[in-house]
Amino acid sequence: MFEGVLAIYKDEGLTSHDVIDVVRRWTGQKRVGHAGTLDPCAKGVLVVGVGRAATKTLHLVAGSEKEYVTRIKLGWRSTTDDREGDKEAVEVTAIPSEEQVRGALAAFQGVIDQRPPAFSAIKVRGRAAYKLARAARQVDLPARKVEAKDVELLGYTWPYVDVRLVTGPGFYVRSFARDLGEALGVGGYVVELERTRVGSYTKDRAVRLADLAAHLPDRPHTTEGPGS
């Protein structure tokens, strides 16, 4: 029976728990966990621990730096700070220049105060914040210290900004998109998000679910595949 740590490439549309369920079926292991959630509309590296010993090491992976590539749409706000939420157009009197975008991005480099999204798994009085937000309850999460180790502008054509980020633990890219939009006075939310690295686990070495069987030589015999 397989035990160990896997880097899975999660496709858009799947929850992180969907991935865990597939890994459980293929490995026959009940004790399976991951080192940091990816939202359903995000894709990329999800580090998964299989078996008791592996899952005990996941906190070390979760605390490592992460790399993302994201596309942000300016000129709008979203209730979830990504494309899944209810959108509201912002009245834009002047389109930001590339110089202004670069200046705004520079302010996010280093240790900053960041308020997590209302739609997040952070617990508020014992309940996940996103559950309270879905129930139309007021969710006011306090800001906390996070670190952006590298912020690189990959491209800008209004209303889209493409950015590469290298972050410490606890950093929310959705909050970054929201705050970048507010810094520019035009609003913003995440349209696309890919996590390309978690610590030493990189995108080019991550396993897609469709190819998982080839990486599990000791998998149990089953008629169920990843898509079942």
Protein backbone atom coordinates (compact mmCIF):
# COMPACT_ATOMS: atom_id res chain seq x y z
CA MET A 1 0.00 0.00 0.00
CA PHE A 2 1.48 3.34 -1.08
CA GLU A 3 2.69 5.81 1.53
CA GLY A 4 4.54 9.04 0.95
CA VAL A 5 4.23 12.61 -0.32
CA LEU A 6 2.93 13.42 -3.80
CA ALA A 7 2.78 16.66 -5.74
CA ILE A 8 -0.54 16.58 -7.60
CA TYR A 9 -1.42 19.03 -10.37
CA LYS A 10 -4.99 20.09 -9.58
CA ASP A 11 -7.12 21.19 -12.52
CA GLU A 12 -9.69 23.98 -12.38
CA GLY A 13 -13.16 22.93 -11.25
CA LEU A 14 -11.95 20.46 -8.62
CA THR A 15 -11.86 21.19 -4.93
CA SER A 16 -8.81 20.18 -2.93
CA HIS A 17 -11.03 17.65 -1.17
CA ASP A 18 -11.98 16.14 -4.55
CA VAL A 19 -8.28 15.43 -5.10
CA ILE A 20 -7.97 13.86 -1.64
CA ASP A 21 -10.94 11.57 -2.39
CA VAL A 22 -9.34 10.38 -5.63
CA VAL A 23 -6.00 9.70 -3.93
CA ARG A 24 -7.78 7.75 -1.19
CA ARG A 25 -9.49 5.54 -3.79
CA TRP A 26 -6.31 4.84 -5.73
CA THR A 27 -4.06 4.21 -2.73
CA GLY A 28 -6.52 2.48 -0.41
CA GLN A 29 -5.30 4.77 2.37
CA LYS A 30 -7.80 6.55 4.60
CA ARG A 31 -5.23 8.91 6.11
CA VAL A 32 -4.63 11.41 3.31
CA GLY A 33 -4.17 15.18 3.66
CA HIS A 34 -2.84 18.21 1.79
CA ALA A 35 -0.48 21.06 2.59
CA GLY A 36 -2.58 24.06 1.64
CA THR A 37 -5.93 24.42 -0.11
CA LEU A 38 -6.36 25.50 -3.71
CA ASP A 39 -9.71 27.09 -4.56
CA PRO A 40 -11.87 25.34 -7.19
CA CYS A 41 -11.19 28.05 -9.78
CA ALA A 42 -7.43 27.75 -9.21
CA LYS A 43 -5.08 25.16 -10.65
CA GLY A 44 -1.58 23.99 -9.91
CA VAL A 45 0.53 22.20 -7.33
CA LEU A 46 -1.28 20.54 -4.42
CA VAL A 47 1.07 18.63 -2.10
CA VAL A 48 -0.62 15.52 -0.73
CA GLY A 49 0.53 13.26 2.10
CA VAL A 50 -0.54 9.59 2.02
CA GLY A 51 -0.34 7.56 5.22
CA ARG A 52 0.24 8.50 8.84
CA ALA A 53 3.97 9.29 8.60
CA ALA A 54 3.58 11.45 5.48
CA THR A 55 0.64 13.47 6.77
CA LYS A 56 2.62 14.31 9.90
CA THR A 57 5.19 16.13 7.74
CA LEU A 58 2.68 18.26 5.84
CA HIS A 59 2.92 21.17 8.29
CA LEU A 60 6.56 21.58 7.21
CA VAL A 61 5.51 21.78 3.56
CA ALA A 62 2.66 24.17 4.37
CA GLY A 63 5.14 26.53 6.00
CA SER A 64 7.40 26.69 2.94
CA GLU A 65 7.33 29.43 0.30
CA LYS A 66 4.93 29.22 -2.64
CA GLU A 67 4.98 30.58 -6.17
CA TYR A 68 1.92 31.72 -8.12
CA VAL A 69 1.07 33.19 -11.49
CA THR A 70 -2.18 35.12 -11.50
CA ARG A 71 -4.29 37.24 -13.82
CA ILE A 72 -6.20 40.05 -12.14
CA LYS A 73 -9.09 41.96 -13.68
CA LEU A 74 -9.20 45.62 -12.72
CA GLY A 75 -12.24 47.86 -12.81
CA TRP A 76 -14.44 45.42 -10.88
CA ARG A 77 -14.99 44.11 -7.36
CA SER A 78 -16.09 40.60 -6.42
CA THR A 79 -17.67 39.37 -3.19
CA THR A 80 -15.20 36.45 -3.15
CA ASP A 81 -12.27 38.44 -4.58
CA ASP A 82 -12.21 36.02 -7.54
CA ARG A 83 -14.36 35.22 -10.59
CA GLU A 84 -16.71 32.99 -8.56
CA GLY A 85 -18.34 35.85 -6.65
CA ASP A 86 -20.98 38.48 -7.41
CA LYS A 87 -19.37 41.26 -9.45
CA GLU A 88 -19.77 45.00 -9.21
CA ALA A 89 -18.34 47.39 -11.79
CA VAL A 90 -16.30 50.30 -10.47
CA GLU A 91 -16.61 53.73 -12.03
CA VAL A 92 -13.12 54.35 -13.42
CA THR A 93 -12.31 57.96 -14.19
CA ALA A 94 -8.73 57.30 -15.33
CA ILE A 95 -7.18 54.01 -16.46
CA PRO A 96 -3.96 53.36 -14.52
CA SER A 97 -0.75 53.54 -16.52
CA GLU A 98 1.82 50.73 -16.48
CA GLU A 99 4.05 52.96 -14.37
CA GLN A 100 1.26 53.33 -11.81
CA VAL A 101 0.69 49.56 -11.78
CA ARG A 102 4.39 48.92 -11.24
CA GLY A 103 4.45 51.46 -8.40
CA ALA A 104 1.44 49.86 -6.74
CA LEU A 105 2.96 46.38 -7.05
CA ALA A 106 6.21 47.53 -5.46
CA ALA A 107 4.32 48.46 -2.29
CA PHE A 108 3.35 44.80 -1.78
CA GLN A 109 6.93 43.51 -1.75
CA GLY A 110 8.09 42.41 1.68
CA VAL A 111 6.15 41.93 4.91
CA ILE A 112 2.71 43.53 4.73
CA ASP A 113 -0.58 43.58 6.62
CA GLN A 114 -3.20 41.58 4.71
CA ARG A 115 -6.86 41.00 5.50
CA PRO A 116 -7.94 37.49 4.44
CA PRO A 117 -10.97 37.13 2.15
CA ALA A 118 -14.37 36.75 3.83
CA PHE A 119 -14.82 33.60 1.76
CA SER A 120 -11.98 31.61 3.31
CA ALA A 121 -11.57 28.56 5.55
CA ILE A 122 -10.34 30.63 8.52
CA LYS A 123 -12.36 29.81 11.62
CA VAL A 124 -14.54 32.48 13.22
CA ARG A 125 -16.01 31.40 16.55
CA GLY A 126 -15.54 27.78 15.50
CA ARG A 127 -17.08 28.11 12.04
CA ALA A 128 -15.38 28.55 8.68
CA ALA A 129 -15.59 32.16 7.51
CA TYR A 130 -16.93 31.17 4.08
CA LYS A 131 -19.92 29.42 5.70
CA LEU A 132 -20.80 32.60 7.59
CA ALA A 133 -20.34 34.68 4.43
CA ARG A 134 -22.60 32.34 2.43
CA ALA A 135 -25.26 32.75 5.13
CA ALA A 136 -25.00 36.54 4.64
CA ARG A 137 -23.45 36.93 8.08
CA GLN A 138 -21.00 39.78 8.62
CA VAL A 139 -17.44 38.50 8.41
CA ASP A 140 -14.70 40.90 9.50
CA LEU A 141 -11.40 39.07 9.57
CA PRO A 142 -8.49 40.98 11.11
CA ALA A 143 -5.41 41.75 9.05
CA ARG A 144 -2.28 39.71 9.70
CA LYS A 145 1.36 39.82 8.71
CA VAL A 146 2.25 37.98 5.49
CA GLU A 147 5.22 38.18 3.14
CA ALA A 148 5.56 38.63 -0.59
CA LYS A 149 9.16 37.70 -1.30
CA ASP A 150 8.96 38.56 -4.99
CA VAL A 151 6.35 40.48 -6.98
CA GLU A 152 6.92 40.55 -10.74
CA LEU A 153 4.76 42.22 -13.37
CA LEU A 154 4.47 39.82 -16.32
CA GLY A 155 2.15 41.94 -18.43
CA TYR A 156 -0.47 44.68 -18.34
CA THR A 157 -3.17 45.45 -20.86
CA TRP A 158 -6.18 47.14 -19.32
CA PRO A 159 -8.12 45.70 -17.57
CA TYR A 160 -5.84 42.68 -17.03
CA VAL A 161 -2.66 42.50 -14.94
CA ASP A 162 -0.50 39.36 -14.99
CA VAL A 163 1.72 38.89 -11.93
CA ARG A 164 4.16 36.30 -10.60
CA LEU A 165 4.32 36.04 -6.82
CA VAL A 166 6.64 34.23 -4.44
CA THR A 167 5.08 34.24 -0.98
CA GLY A 168 5.47 33.01 2.54
CA PRO A 169 2.76 30.98 4.32
CA GLY A 170 -0.70 32.44 4.90
CA PHE A 171 -0.63 34.74 1.86
CA TYR A 172 -3.94 35.05 -0.03
CA VAL A 173 -3.62 35.91 -3.71
CA ARG A 174 -7.30 36.88 -3.77
CA SER A 175 -6.64 39.45 -1.05
CA PHE A 176 -3.63 40.68 -3.01
CA ALA A 177 -5.80 41.20 -6.11
CA ARG A 178 -8.42 43.05 -4.08
CA ASP A 179 -5.83 45.26 -2.39
CA LEU A 180 -3.98 45.99 -5.64
CA GLY A 181 -7.23 47.15 -7.18
CA GLU A 182 -7.96 49.35 -4.19
CA ALA A 183 -4.46 50.81 -4.24
CA LEU A 184 -5.06 51.81 -7.87
CA GLY A 185 -8.54 53.12 -7.03
CA VAL A 186 -10.27 50.84 -9.52
CA GLY A 187 -11.03 47.57 -7.72
CA GLY A 188 -9.80 44.14 -8.78
CA TYR A 189 -10.29 40.40 -8.48
CA VAL A 190 -8.57 37.16 -9.51
CA VAL A 191 -9.58 35.83 -12.91
CA GLU A 192 -6.97 33.08 -13.22
CA LEU A 193 -4.62 31.55 -10.64
CA GLU A 194 -1.96 28.87 -10.93
CA ARG A 195 0.26 27.68 -8.10
CA THR A 196 3.50 26.70 -9.80
CA ARG A 197 5.54 25.69 -6.75
CA VAL A 198 5.20 24.69 -3.09
CA GLY A 199 8.64 24.59 -1.48
CA SER A 200 10.70 22.18 -3.61
CA TYR A 201 7.60 20.68 -5.28
CA THR A 202 7.32 22.23 -8.74
CA LYS A 203 4.69 22.26 -11.48
CA ASP A 204 6.85 20.37 -13.96
CA ARG A 205 7.20 17.44 -11.54
CA ALA A 206 3.59 17.36 -10.36
CA VAL A 207 1.41 14.37 -11.29
CA ARG A 208 -1.94 14.83 -12.99
CA LEU A 209 -4.78 12.75 -11.59
CA ALA A 210 -5.21 10.96 -14.91
CA ASP A 211 -1.61 9.73 -14.63
CA LEU A 212 -1.72 8.89 -10.94
CA ALA A 213 -1.88 5.10 -11.37
CA ALA A 214 1.52 5.03 -13.08
CA HIS A 215 3.07 6.60 -9.99
CA LEU A 216 1.49 4.14 -7.55
CA PRO A 217 2.99 0.72 -8.25
CA ASP A 218 1.50 -0.72 -5.07
CA ARG A 219 -2.02 0.60 -5.57
CA PRO A 220 -4.86 -1.75 -4.59
CA HIS A 221 -6.83 -3.58 -7.29
CA THR A 222 -9.98 -1.62 -8.08
CA THR A 223 -12.32 -1.04 -10.98
CA GLU A 224 -12.71 2.60 -10.03
CA GLY A 225 -10.56 5.23 -11.70
CA PRO A 226 -9.86 8.85 -10.86
CA GLY A 227 -12.96 10.06 -12.62
CA SER A 228 -15.39 7.63 -10.99
